[in-house]
Amino acid sequence: MGGTSTMTTTLFSREGANDLRQSVKNNMGRGQEVANALLLHFDKINDLNIWPDKEIESLLLKQKEYEVRELSNKPSYPREFSKFSPSSADSCSRELFFKNLRVPRDETEMTSWQRRWTKNSTGVHEYRQRDLLYAEKYLEKPAFKVVRIEDEKDPLRNGLPSWEKPLETWKLIEHNGVKMVVTGMMDGILEYKDGSRIGFEFKTKSNSVAQIKQIVKSGKPAPHHRQQCIAYSILFDIDEFVITYESVAKDKWGTAEGGRPDMAAFYVKVTKGQRKALLDKWADVAAKAENGEMPKGNNSKCMFCQWKTECAKYTGGIRQR
């Protein structure tokens, strides 16, 4: 994944035109088919009344056993290079700069209700993954199956679902003459009924079921979620994804079949130009972290940054209160 030339992706460049054509195709045909198929997949399995399955629940316990074992294992990636992850793919370059320089983070405070908020979302997240395992076994013609991990060297990891901690990996990449580590995990790798591999990315919304209607009306996933998919594409060599949103809040129980939709899904096809743009950004941050040159930042991304105080000393960014 090397390269030294500079290419700007615009509407009028060859790379930009290719990306534009690909984007149009994604909103038609296959993209809509795959996204709709996943929503229907979830609806079908949740229409069934199924008792806990011993085989599936045992597999999930095996996954938990693996996760507990890994708590005592340190990451194996080389520490001398800058490190990047999908979860921060859309972060400000200054944030990534401070992170790689190991600058002390701001103390973050969360209220009790904010912690319950995140825990509730995690619970929904885990249950949707459980639904995927039940769907492939109990639906007559499942549209998706969960890809299993093949690792003969590790019997505990071998055969586990391709998601979360069992899927975690890292790559040492050289781009624009700069070496860097990309590491992370994702919500799942699924096999579609045509044999293709689809990245599964799941997001929750907690304020109101109306948020799903707003997302559907926008016609596209959030930009930072698309950036995550680009990073996953680099790490896991997959270029098709479905970003699925679910509202933790639901419509009134009495509305029954007339309830407002609580889920939405969008297909994302990652292009070579998008991968190159993200690698360009990471390589620039890595190079600047090496020579101590402050990269250009974006103050619109300060809300969740953990280096507001440090950043404000140099750039006038939003200070930590």
C-alpha atoms as a PDB file:
ATOM      1  CA  MET A   1       0.000   0.000   0.000  1.00  0.00           C
ATOM      2  CA  GLY A   2       2.729   2.429  -0.880  1.00  0.00           C
ATOM      3  CA  GLY A   3       2.814   5.513  -3.059  1.00  0.00           C
ATOM      4  CA  THR A   4       4.390   8.916  -3.279  1.00  0.00           C
ATOM      5  CA  SER A   5       2.286  10.797  -5.814  1.00  0.00           C
ATOM      6  CA  THR A   6      -0.364  13.285  -4.699  1.00  0.00           C
ATOM      7  CA  MET A   7      -3.888  12.887  -6.057  1.00  0.00           C
ATOM      8  CA  THR A   8      -6.795  15.172  -5.200  1.00  0.00           C
ATOM      9  CA  THR A   9     -10.194  13.513  -5.481  1.00  0.00           C
ATOM     10  CA  THR A  10     -12.629  15.968  -7.018  1.00  0.00           C
ATOM     11  CA  LEU A  11     -15.662  15.775  -9.276  1.00  0.00           C
ATOM     12  CA  PHE A  12     -13.460  16.631 -12.251  1.00  0.00           C
ATOM     13  CA  SER A  13     -10.601  14.200 -11.633  1.00  0.00           C
ATOM     14  CA  ARG A  14     -10.633  10.704 -13.066  1.00  0.00           C
ATOM     15  CA  GLU A  15     -10.597   9.205  -9.567  1.00  0.00           C
ATOM     16  CA  GLY A  16     -13.328  11.578  -8.433  1.00  0.00           C
ATOM     17  CA  ALA A  17     -15.499  10.764 -11.440  1.00  0.00           C
ATOM     18  CA  ASN A  18     -15.137   7.061 -10.734  1.00  0.00           C
ATOM     19  CA  ASP A  19     -16.165   7.622  -7.128  1.00  0.00           C
ATOM     20  CA  LEU A  20     -19.177   9.659  -8.256  1.00  0.00           C
ATOM     21  CA  ARG A  21     -20.326   6.955 -10.668  1.00  0.00           C
ATOM     22  CA  GLN A  22     -19.847   4.331  -7.972  1.00  0.00           C
ATOM     23  CA  SER A  23     -21.885   6.395  -5.512  1.00  0.00           C
ATOM     24  CA  VAL A  24     -24.770   6.617  -7.983  1.00  0.00           C
ATOM     25  CA  LYS A  25     -24.674   2.852  -8.552  1.00  0.00           C
ATOM     26  CA  ASN A  26     -24.660   2.206  -4.821  1.00  0.00           C
ATOM     27  CA  ASN A  27     -27.998   3.971  -4.421  1.00  0.00           C
ATOM     28  CA  MET A  28     -29.548   1.708  -7.029  1.00  0.00           C
ATOM     29  CA  GLY A  29     -29.811  -1.997  -7.664  1.00  0.00           C
ATOM     30  CA  ARG A  30     -27.500  -4.070  -5.514  1.00  0.00           C
ATOM     31  CA  GLY A  31     -26.988  -1.523  -2.773  1.00  0.00           C
ATOM     32  CA  GLN A  32     -30.692  -1.146  -2.061  1.00  0.00           C
ATOM     33  CA  GLU A  33     -31.168  -4.899  -2.385  1.00  0.00           C
ATOM     34  CA  VAL A  34     -28.514  -5.778   0.209  1.00  0.00           C
ATOM     35  CA  ALA A  35     -29.617  -3.109   2.700  1.00  0.00           C
ATOM     36  CA  ASN A  36     -33.274  -4.118   2.449  1.00  0.00           C
ATOM     37  CA  ALA A  37     -32.358  -7.796   2.706  1.00  0.00           C
ATOM     38  CA  LEU A  38     -30.616  -7.219   6.035  1.00  0.00           C
ATOM     39  CA  LEU A  39     -33.573  -5.319   7.498  1.00  0.00           C
ATOM     40  CA  LEU A  40     -35.934  -8.095   6.377  1.00  0.00           C
ATOM     41  CA  HIS A  41     -33.505 -10.652   7.830  1.00  0.00           C
ATOM     42  CA  PHE A  42     -33.796  -9.015  11.259  1.00  0.00           C
ATOM     43  CA  ASP A  43     -37.583  -8.683  10.953  1.00  0.00           C
ATOM     44  CA  LYS A  44     -38.039 -12.344  10.062  1.00  0.00           C
ATOM     45  CA  ILE A  45     -36.026 -13.700  12.987  1.00  0.00           C
ATOM     46  CA  ASN A  46     -37.791 -11.368  15.421  1.00  0.00           C
ATOM     47  CA  ASP A  47     -41.178 -12.531  14.119  1.00  0.00           C
ATOM     48  CA  LEU A  48     -40.377 -16.021  15.451  1.00  0.00           C
ATOM     49  CA  ASN A  49     -40.809 -17.254  19.009  1.00  0.00           C
ATOM     50  CA  ILE A  50     -37.653 -19.314  19.609  1.00  0.00           C
ATOM     51  CA  TRP A  51     -36.372 -20.926  22.779  1.00  0.00           C
ATOM     52  CA  PRO A  52     -32.675 -20.438  23.607  1.00  0.00           C
ATOM     53  CA  ASP A  53     -30.583 -22.705  21.425  1.00  0.00           C
ATOM     54  CA  LYS A  54     -27.907 -24.718  23.255  1.00  0.00           C
ATOM     55  CA  GLU A  55     -25.495 -24.755  20.319  1.00  0.00           C
ATOM     56  CA  ILE A  56     -25.682 -21.009  19.698  1.00  0.00           C
ATOM     57  CA  GLU A  57     -25.566 -20.026  23.354  1.00  0.00           C
ATOM     58  CA  SER A  58     -22.555 -22.323  23.849  1.00  0.00           C
ATOM     59  CA  LEU A  59     -20.804 -20.585  20.967  1.00  0.00           C
ATOM     60  CA  LEU A  60     -21.444 -17.201  22.563  1.00  0.00           C
ATOM     61  CA  LEU A  61     -20.073 -18.485  25.881  1.00  0.00           C
ATOM     62  CA  LYS A  62     -16.977 -19.688  24.034  1.00  0.00           C
ATOM     63  CA  GLN A  63     -16.624 -16.161  22.617  1.00  0.00           C
ATOM     64  CA  LYS A  64     -16.878 -14.704  26.116  1.00  0.00           C
ATOM     65  CA  GLU A  65     -14.273 -17.186  27.360  1.00  0.00           C
ATOM     66  CA  TYR A  66     -11.938 -16.009  24.597  1.00  0.00           C
ATOM     67  CA  GLU A  67     -12.552 -12.356  25.492  1.00  0.00           C
ATOM     68  CA  VAL A  68     -11.792 -13.022  29.181  1.00  0.00           C
ATOM     69  CA  ARG A  69      -8.571 -14.811  28.256  1.00  0.00           C
ATOM     70  CA  GLU A  70      -7.482 -11.896  26.071  1.00  0.00           C
ATOM     71  CA  LEU A  71      -7.850  -9.432  28.956  1.00  0.00           C
ATOM     72  CA  SER A  72      -4.420 -10.510  30.174  1.00  0.00           C
ATOM     73  CA  ASN A  73      -2.745 -10.464  26.737  1.00  0.00           C
ATOM     74  CA  LYS A  74      -0.962  -7.367  25.482  1.00  0.00           C
ATOM     75  CA  PRO A  75      -1.325  -6.235  21.846  1.00  0.00           C
ATOM     76  CA  SER A  76       1.314  -7.710  19.542  1.00  0.00           C
ATOM     77  CA  TYR A  77       1.657  -4.799  17.116  1.00  0.00           C
ATOM     78  CA  PRO A  78       4.973  -2.851  17.020  1.00  0.00           C
ATOM     79  CA  ARG A  79       4.899   0.198  19.293  1.00  0.00           C
ATOM     80  CA  GLU A  80       7.474   2.326  17.459  1.00  0.00           C
ATOM     81  CA  PHE A  81       5.012   3.445  14.775  1.00  0.00           C
ATOM     82  CA  SER A  82       1.988   5.740  14.913  1.00  0.00           C
ATOM     83  CA  LYS A  83      -1.230   3.799  15.394  1.00  0.00           C
ATOM     84  CA  PHE A  84      -4.696   4.404  13.933  1.00  0.00           C
ATOM     85  CA  SER A  85      -8.058   2.692  14.342  1.00  0.00           C
ATOM     86  CA  PRO A  86     -11.417   2.709  12.510  1.00  0.00           C
ATOM     87  CA  SER A  87     -13.233   4.212  15.484  1.00  0.00           C
ATOM     88  CA  SER A  88     -11.225   7.429  15.114  1.00  0.00           C
ATOM     89  CA  ALA A  89     -11.099   7.498  11.302  1.00  0.00           C
ATOM     90  CA  ASP A  90     -13.093  10.726  11.174  1.00  0.00           C
ATOM     91  CA  SER A  91     -11.264  12.381  14.077  1.00  0.00           C
ATOM     92  CA  CYS A  92      -9.500  15.706  13.746  1.00  0.00           C
ATOM     93  CA  SER A  93      -5.856  15.331  12.687  1.00  0.00           C
ATOM     94  CA  ARG A  94      -4.755  17.247  15.792  1.00  0.00           C
ATOM     95  CA  GLU A  95      -6.564  14.726  18.008  1.00  0.00           C
ATOM     96  CA  LEU A  96      -4.765  11.860  16.273  1.00  0.00           C
ATOM     97  CA  PHE A  97      -1.502  13.810  16.570  1.00  0.00           C
ATOM     98  CA  PHE A  98      -1.812  14.237  20.368  1.00  0.00           C
ATOM     99  CA  LYS A  99      -2.950  10.641  20.752  1.00  0.00           C
ATOM    100  CA  ASN A 100       0.103   9.268  18.957  1.00  0.00           C
ATOM    101  CA  LEU A 101       2.420  11.534  20.961  1.00  0.00           C
ATOM    102  CA  ARG A 102       0.815  10.039  24.094  1.00  0.00           C
ATOM    103  CA  VAL A 103      -0.074  13.476  25.443  1.00  0.00           C
ATOM    104  CA  PRO A 104      -2.109  13.132  28.694  1.00  0.00           C
ATOM    105  CA  ARG A 105      -5.839  13.134  28.051  1.00  0.00           C
ATOM    106  CA  ASP A 106      -8.388  15.409  29.659  1.00  0.00           C
ATOM    107  CA  GLU A 107     -10.287  13.937  32.555  1.00  0.00           C
ATOM    108  CA  THR A 108     -13.703  13.008  31.213  1.00  0.00           C
ATOM    109  CA  GLU A 109     -16.767  12.981  33.384  1.00  0.00           C
ATOM    110  CA  MET A 110     -19.909  11.045  32.588  1.00  0.00           C
ATOM    111  CA  THR A 111     -23.183  11.249  34.459  1.00  0.00           C
ATOM    112  CA  SER A 112     -24.872   8.102  35.739  1.00  0.00           C
ATOM    113  CA  TRP A 113     -27.545   8.369  33.050  1.00  0.00           C
ATOM    114  CA  GLN A 114     -24.919   8.741  30.319  1.00  0.00           C
ATOM    115  CA  ARG A 115     -23.265   5.542  31.490  1.00  0.00           C
ATOM    116  CA  ARG A 116     -26.634   3.744  31.487  1.00  0.00           C
ATOM    117  CA  TRP A 117     -27.192   5.141  27.985  1.00  0.00           C
ATOM    118  CA  THR A 118     -24.001   3.543  26.656  1.00  0.00           C
ATOM    119  CA  LYS A 119     -24.641   0.266  28.498  1.00  0.00           C
ATOM    120  CA  ASN A 120     -28.156   0.024  27.055  1.00  0.00           C
ATOM    121  CA  SER A 121     -26.771   0.553  23.562  1.00  0.00           C
ATOM    122  CA  THR A 122     -24.151  -2.151  24.126  1.00  0.00           C
ATOM    123  CA  GLY A 123     -26.869  -4.575  25.200  1.00  0.00           C
ATOM    124  CA  VAL A 124     -28.895  -3.969  22.036  1.00  0.00           C
ATOM    125  CA  HIS A 125     -25.743  -4.313  19.976  1.00  0.00           C
ATOM    126  CA  GLU A 126     -24.955  -7.734  21.432  1.00  0.00           C
ATOM    127  CA  TYR A 127     -28.497  -8.962  20.945  1.00  0.00           C
ATOM    128  CA  ARG A 128     -28.554  -8.026  17.263  1.00  0.00           C
ATOM    129  CA  GLN A 129     -25.437 -10.128  16.799  1.00  0.00           C
ATOM    130  CA  ARG A 130     -27.214 -12.974  18.594  1.00  0.00           C
ATOM    131  CA  ASP A 131     -30.139 -12.501  16.181  1.00  0.00           C
ATOM    132  CA  LEU A 132     -27.763 -13.019  13.260  1.00  0.00           C
ATOM    133  CA  LEU A 133     -26.692 -16.407  14.644  1.00  0.00           C
ATOM    134  CA  TYR A 134     -30.274 -17.496  15.268  1.00  0.00           C
ATOM    135  CA  ALA A 135     -31.409 -16.282  11.842  1.00  0.00           C
ATOM    136  CA  GLU A 136     -28.885 -18.377   9.939  1.00  0.00           C
ATOM    137  CA  LYS A 137     -30.109 -21.485  11.766  1.00  0.00           C
ATOM    138  CA  TYR A 138     -33.855 -20.932  12.078  1.00  0.00           C
ATOM    139  CA  LEU A 139     -34.860 -19.042   8.939  1.00  0.00           C
ATOM    140  CA  GLU A 140     -35.786 -21.278   6.018  1.00  0.00           C
ATOM    141  CA  LYS A 141     -33.720 -19.295   3.514  1.00  0.00           C
ATOM    142  CA  PRO A 142     -31.440 -16.921   5.443  1.00  0.00           C
ATOM    143  CA  ALA A 143     -30.124 -14.056   3.340  1.00  0.00           C
ATOM    144  CA  PHE A 144     -27.012 -13.779   5.513  1.00  0.00           C
ATOM    145  CA  LYS A 145     -24.720 -16.045   7.487  1.00  0.00           C
ATOM    146  CA  VAL A 146     -22.074 -15.021   9.988  1.00  0.00           C
ATOM    147  CA  VAL A 147     -18.570 -15.788   8.733  1.00  0.00           C
ATOM    148  CA  ARG A 148     -16.626 -17.954  11.185  1.00  0.00           C
ATOM    149  CA  ILE A 149     -12.991 -17.416  12.117  1.00  0.00           C
ATOM    150  CA  GLU A 150     -10.514 -20.035  10.974  1.00  0.00           C
ATOM    151  CA  ASP A 151      -7.521 -20.257  13.302  1.00  0.00           C
ATOM    152  CA  GLU A 152      -6.136 -23.772  13.723  1.00  0.00           C
ATOM    153  CA  LYS A 153      -3.370 -22.455  15.989  1.00  0.00           C
ATOM    154  CA  ASP A 154      -5.888 -21.245  18.574  1.00  0.00           C
ATOM    155  CA  PRO A 155      -8.655 -23.784  19.327  1.00  0.00           C
ATOM    156  CA  LEU A 156     -10.524 -21.273  21.498  1.00  0.00           C
ATOM    157  CA  ARG A 157     -10.665 -18.667  18.718  1.00  0.00           C
ATOM    158  CA  ASN A 158     -11.232 -21.139  15.888  1.00  0.00           C
ATOM    159  CA  GLY A 159     -14.874 -21.246  14.798  1.00  0.00           C
ATOM    160  CA  LEU A 160     -15.947 -18.089  16.633  1.00  0.00           C
ATOM    161  CA  PRO A 161     -18.107 -15.490  14.857  1.00  0.00           C
ATOM    162  CA  SER A 162     -16.134 -12.932  12.835  1.00  0.00           C
ATOM    163  CA  TRP A 163     -16.849  -9.939  15.029  1.00  0.00           C
ATOM    164  CA  GLU A 164     -15.657  -7.992  18.076  1.00  0.00           C
ATOM    165  CA  LYS A 165     -12.608  -9.231  20.010  1.00  0.00           C
ATOM    166  CA  PRO A 166     -12.160 -12.523  18.121  1.00  0.00           C
ATOM    167  CA  LEU A 167     -11.883 -10.537  14.868  1.00  0.00           C
ATOM    168  CA  GLU A 168      -9.457  -7.927  16.232  1.00  0.00           C
ATOM    169  CA  THR A 169      -6.286  -7.616  14.180  1.00  0.00           C
ATOM    170  CA  TRP A 170      -3.603  -5.170  13.034  1.00  0.00           C
ATOM    171  CA  LYS A 171      -1.631  -4.315   9.914  1.00  0.00           C
ATOM    172  CA  LEU A 172       1.696  -2.579   9.404  1.00  0.00           C
ATOM    173  CA  ILE A 173       1.182  -0.344   6.365  1.00  0.00           C
ATOM    174  CA  GLU A 174       3.625   1.836   4.441  1.00  0.00           C
ATOM    175  CA  HIS A 175       2.007   4.716   2.556  1.00  0.00           C
ATOM    176  CA  ASN A 176       3.626   7.822   1.087  1.00  0.00           C
ATOM    177  CA  GLY A 177       6.914   6.580   2.506  1.00  0.00           C
ATOM    178  CA  VAL A 178       5.535   6.442   6.071  1.00  0.00           C
ATOM    179  CA  LYS A 179       5.042   3.286   8.135  1.00  0.00           C
ATOM    180  CA  MET A 180       2.054   3.076  10.489  1.00  0.00           C
ATOM    181  CA  VAL A 181      -0.056   0.511  12.325  1.00  0.00           C
ATOM    182  CA  VAL A 182      -3.783   0.159  11.696  1.00  0.00           C
ATOM    183  CA  THR A 183      -5.599  -1.901  14.304  1.00  0.00           C
ATOM    184  CA  GLY A 184      -9.153  -2.625  15.329  1.00  0.00           C
ATOM    185  CA  MET A 185     -12.223  -4.846  15.236  1.00  0.00           C
ATOM    186  CA  MET A 186     -15.680  -4.477  13.754  1.00  0.00           C
ATOM    187  CA  ASP A 187     -19.291  -5.478  14.337  1.00  0.00           C
ATOM    188  CA  GLY A 188     -19.240  -8.393  11.962  1.00  0.00           C
ATOM    189  CA  ILE A 189     -18.429  -9.951   8.614  1.00  0.00           C
ATOM    190  CA  LEU A 190     -21.439 -11.570   6.958  1.00  0.00           C
ATOM    191  CA  GLU A 191     -21.780 -13.793   3.922  1.00  0.00           C
ATOM    192  CA  TYR A 192     -24.615 -12.713   1.633  1.00  0.00           C
ATOM    193  CA  LYS A 193     -26.701 -15.329  -0.179  1.00  0.00           C
ATOM    194  CA  ASP A 194     -24.687 -14.769  -3.374  1.00  0.00           C
ATOM    195  CA  GLY A 195     -21.464 -15.713  -1.578  1.00  0.00           C
ATOM    196  CA  SER A 196     -20.079 -12.168  -1.243  1.00  0.00           C
ATOM    197  CA  ARG A 197     -18.728 -10.853   2.046  1.00  0.00           C
ATOM    198  CA  ILE A 198     -20.461  -7.860   3.590  1.00  0.00           C
ATOM    199  CA  GLY A 199     -19.167  -5.812   6.501  1.00  0.00           C
ATOM    200  CA  PHE A 200     -21.810  -5.303   9.203  1.00  0.00           C
ATOM    201  CA  GLU A 201     -21.689  -2.039  11.137  1.00  0.00           C
ATOM    202  CA  PHE A 202     -24.344  -1.441  13.801  1.00  0.00           C
ATOM    203  CA  LYS A 203     -25.281   1.875  15.426  1.00  0.00           C
ATOM    204  CA  THR A 204     -27.908   2.731  18.027  1.00  0.00           C
ATOM    205  CA  LYS A 205     -29.965   5.882  18.533  1.00  0.00           C
ATOM    206  CA  SER A 206     -31.401   6.505  21.976  1.00  0.00           C
ATOM    207  CA  ASN A 207     -33.306   9.790  22.056  1.00  0.00           C
ATOM    208  CA  SER A 208     -36.426   8.917  20.090  1.00  0.00           C
ATOM    209  CA  VAL A 209     -37.744   6.461  17.519  1.00  0.00           C
ATOM    210  CA  ALA A 210     -38.276   9.536  15.325  1.00  0.00           C
ATOM    211  CA  GLN A 211     -34.500   9.642  14.812  1.00  0.00           C
ATOM    212  CA  ILE A 212     -34.802   6.667  12.457  1.00  0.00           C
ATOM    213  CA  LYS A 213     -37.287   8.551  10.285  1.00  0.00           C
ATOM    214  CA  GLN A 214     -34.859  11.448  10.129  1.00  0.00           C
ATOM    215  CA  ILE A 215     -32.021   9.132   9.099  1.00  0.00           C
ATOM    216  CA  VAL A 216     -34.156   7.536   6.393  1.00  0.00           C
ATOM    217  CA  LYS A 217     -35.189  10.970   5.153  1.00  0.00           C
ATOM    218  CA  SER A 218     -31.527  11.996   4.855  1.00  0.00           C
ATOM    219  CA  GLY A 219     -30.998   9.056   2.510  1.00  0.00           C
ATOM    220  CA  LYS A 220     -27.486   8.320   3.720  1.00  0.00           C
ATOM    221  CA  PRO A 221     -25.483   7.252   6.773  1.00  0.00           C
ATOM    222  CA  ALA A 222     -23.531   9.715   8.900  1.00  0.00           C
ATOM    223  CA  PRO A 223     -20.212  10.779   7.288  1.00  0.00           C
ATOM    224  CA  HIS A 224     -18.158   9.556  10.265  1.00  0.00           C
ATOM    225  CA  HIS A 225     -19.772   6.132  10.001  1.00  0.00           C
ATOM    226  CA  ARG A 226     -18.823   5.969   6.322  1.00  0.00           C
ATOM    227  CA  GLN A 227     -15.256   6.842   7.322  1.00  0.00           C
ATOM    228  CA  GLN A 228     -15.245   3.907   9.712  1.00  0.00           C
ATOM    229  CA  CYS A 229     -16.195   1.608   6.846  1.00  0.00           C
ATOM    230  CA  ILE A 230     -13.299   2.962   4.774  1.00  0.00           C
ATOM    231  CA  ALA A 231     -10.933   2.126   7.636  1.00  0.00           C
ATOM    232  CA  TYR A 232     -12.461  -1.348   7.980  1.00  0.00           C
ATOM    233  CA  SER A 233     -11.944  -1.827   4.260  1.00  0.00           C
ATOM    234  CA  ILE A 234      -8.238  -1.106   4.688  1.00  0.00           C
ATOM    235  CA  LEU A 235      -7.948  -3.434   7.666  1.00  0.00           C
ATOM    236  CA  PHE A 236     -10.138  -6.360   6.591  1.00  0.00           C
ATOM    237  CA  ASP A 237      -9.969  -6.209   2.758  1.00  0.00           C
ATOM    238  CA  ILE A 238     -13.741  -5.848   2.339  1.00  0.00           C
ATOM    239  CA  ASP A 239     -15.309  -3.173   0.155  1.00  0.00           C
ATOM    240  CA  GLU A 240     -19.052  -3.702   0.748  1.00  0.00           C
ATOM    241  CA  PHE A 241     -20.770  -2.712   3.993  1.00  0.00           C
ATOM    242  CA  VAL A 242     -24.223  -2.254   5.445  1.00  0.00           C
ATOM    243  CA  ILE A 243     -24.524   0.344   8.201  1.00  0.00           C
ATOM    244  CA  THR A 244     -27.584  -0.498  10.293  1.00  0.00           C
ATOM    245  CA  TYR A 245     -29.213   1.950  12.699  1.00  0.00           C
ATOM    246  CA  GLU A 246     -31.649   0.969  15.442  1.00  0.00           C
ATOM    247  CA  SER A 247     -33.515   3.174  17.855  1.00  0.00           C
ATOM    248  CA  VAL A 248     -33.308   1.897  21.429  1.00  0.00           C
ATOM    249  CA  ALA A 249     -36.517   3.840  22.047  1.00  0.00           C
ATOM    250  CA  LYS A 250     -39.544   2.198  20.394  1.00  0.00           C
ATOM    251  CA  ASP A 251     -43.035   3.311  19.469  1.00  0.00           C
ATOM    252  CA  LYS A 252     -45.910   2.769  21.912  1.00  0.00           C
ATOM    253  CA  TRP A 253     -46.627  -0.913  22.570  1.00  0.00           C
ATOM    254  CA  GLY A 254     -50.264  -0.535  21.534  1.00  0.00           C
ATOM    255  CA  THR A 255     -49.409   0.609  18.016  1.00  0.00           C
ATOM    256  CA  ALA A 256     -48.485  -3.012  17.157  1.00  0.00           C
ATOM    257  CA  GLU A 257     -48.005  -3.419  13.390  1.00  0.00           C
ATOM    258  CA  GLY A 258     -48.604   0.286  12.846  1.00  0.00           C
ATOM    259  CA  GLY A 259     -45.566   1.314  14.864  1.00  0.00           C
ATOM    260  CA  ARG A 260     -42.972   3.636  13.440  1.00  0.00           C
ATOM    261  CA  PRO A 261     -39.893   1.900  11.963  1.00  0.00           C
ATOM    262  CA  ASP A 262     -37.119   1.444  14.494  1.00  0.00           C
ATOM    263  CA  MET A 263     -34.385   0.356  12.063  1.00  0.00           C
ATOM    264  CA  ALA A 264     -32.742   1.689   8.923  1.00  0.00           C
ATOM    265  CA  ALA A 265     -29.888   0.362   6.800  1.00  0.00           C
ATOM    266  CA  PHE A 266     -27.548   1.824   4.190  1.00  0.00           C
ATOM    267  CA  TYR A 267     -25.216   0.110   1.764  1.00  0.00           C
ATOM    268  CA  VAL A 268     -21.701   1.505   1.416  1.00  0.00           C
ATOM    269  CA  LYS A 269     -19.258   0.598  -1.348  1.00  0.00           C
ATOM    270  CA  VAL A 270     -15.721   1.715  -0.514  1.00  0.00           C
ATOM    271  CA  THR A 271     -13.577   2.900  -3.427  1.00  0.00           C
ATOM    272  CA  LYS A 272      -9.812   2.979  -3.983  1.00  0.00           C
ATOM    273  CA  GLY A 273      -9.909   6.770  -3.906  1.00  0.00           C
ATOM    274  CA  GLN A 274     -11.555   6.788  -0.480  1.00  0.00           C
ATOM    275  CA  ARG A 275      -8.995   4.365   0.925  1.00  0.00           C
ATOM    276  CA  LYS A 276      -6.166   6.471  -0.476  1.00  0.00           C
ATOM    277  CA  ALA A 277      -7.605   9.680   1.015  1.00  0.00           C
ATOM    278  CA  LEU A 278      -7.785   8.148   4.498  1.00  0.00           C
ATOM    279  CA  LEU A 279      -4.288   6.659   4.217  1.00  0.00           C
ATOM    280  CA  ASP A 280      -3.029  10.081   3.065  1.00  0.00           C
ATOM    281  CA  LYS A 281      -4.506  11.642   6.215  1.00  0.00           C
ATOM    282  CA  TRP A 282      -3.032   9.014   8.520  1.00  0.00           C
ATOM    283  CA  ALA A 283       0.372   9.162   6.845  1.00  0.00           C
ATOM    284  CA  ASP A 284       0.422  12.949   7.211  1.00  0.00           C
ATOM    285  CA  VAL A 285      -0.385  12.695  10.934  1.00  0.00           C
ATOM    286  CA  ALA A 286       2.225   9.980  11.415  1.00  0.00           C
ATOM    287  CA  ALA A 287       4.898  12.059   9.671  1.00  0.00           C
ATOM    288  CA  LYS A 288       4.044  15.130  11.746  1.00  0.00           C
ATOM    289  CA  ALA A 289       4.052  13.098  14.967  1.00  0.00           C
ATOM    290  CA  GLU A 290       7.576  12.006  14.029  1.00  0.00           C
ATOM    291  CA  ASN A 291       8.896  15.532  13.411  1.00  0.00           C
ATOM    292  CA  GLY A 292       6.713  17.386  15.939  1.00  0.00           C
ATOM    293  CA  GLU A 293       4.906  19.556  13.393  1.00  0.00           C
ATOM    294  CA  MET A 294       1.355  20.445  14.455  1.00  0.00           C
ATOM    295  CA  PRO A 295      -1.170  19.327  11.806  1.00  0.00           C
ATOM    296  CA  LYS A 296      -4.145  21.397  10.765  1.00  0.00           C
ATOM    297  CA  GLY A 297      -7.228  20.631  12.853  1.00  0.00           C
ATOM    298  CA  ASN A 298     -10.986  20.961  12.741  1.00  0.00           C
ATOM    299  CA  ASN A 299     -12.683  22.689  15.679  1.00  0.00           C
ATOM    300  CA  SER A 300     -16.081  21.316  14.630  1.00  0.00           C
ATOM    301  CA  LYS A 301     -14.974  17.906  15.945  1.00  0.00           C
ATOM    302  CA  CYS A 302     -14.131  18.971  19.501  1.00  0.00           C
ATOM    303  CA  MET A 303     -17.129  17.538  21.392  1.00  0.00           C
ATOM    304  CA  PHE A 304     -15.724  14.061  21.997  1.00  0.00           C
ATOM    305  CA  CYS A 305     -12.036  14.929  21.775  1.00  0.00           C
ATOM    306  CA  GLN A 306     -10.045  14.042  24.890  1.00  0.00           C
ATOM    307  CA  TRP A 307      -7.277  16.590  24.233  1.00  0.00           C
ATOM    308  CA  LYS A 308      -9.231  19.869  24.227  1.00  0.00           C
ATOM    309  CA  THR A 309      -7.108  21.472  26.939  1.00  0.00           C
ATOM    310  CA  GLU A 310      -3.790  20.631  25.285  1.00  0.00           C
ATOM    311  CA  CYS A 311      -5.041  21.634  21.862  1.00  0.00           C
ATOM    312  CA  ALA A 312      -6.296  24.995  23.098  1.00  0.00           C
ATOM    313  CA  LYS A 313      -2.787  25.914  24.282  1.00  0.00           C
ATOM    314  CA  TYR A 314      -1.576  26.008  20.691  1.00  0.00           C
ATOM    315  CA  THR A 315      -4.531  26.481  18.415  1.00  0.00           C
ATOM    316  CA  GLY A 316      -7.303  28.283  20.262  1.00  0.00           C
ATOM    317  CA  GLY A 317      -9.532  25.204  20.146  1.00  0.00           C
ATOM    318  CA  ILE A 318     -12.408  24.669  22.541  1.00  0.00           C
ATOM    319  CA  ARG A 319     -11.103  24.430  26.105  1.00  0.00           C
ATOM    320  CA  GLN A 320     -12.144  21.711  28.508  1.00  0.00           C
ATOM    321  CA  ARG A 321     -14.620  23.000  31.067  1.00  0.00           C
END
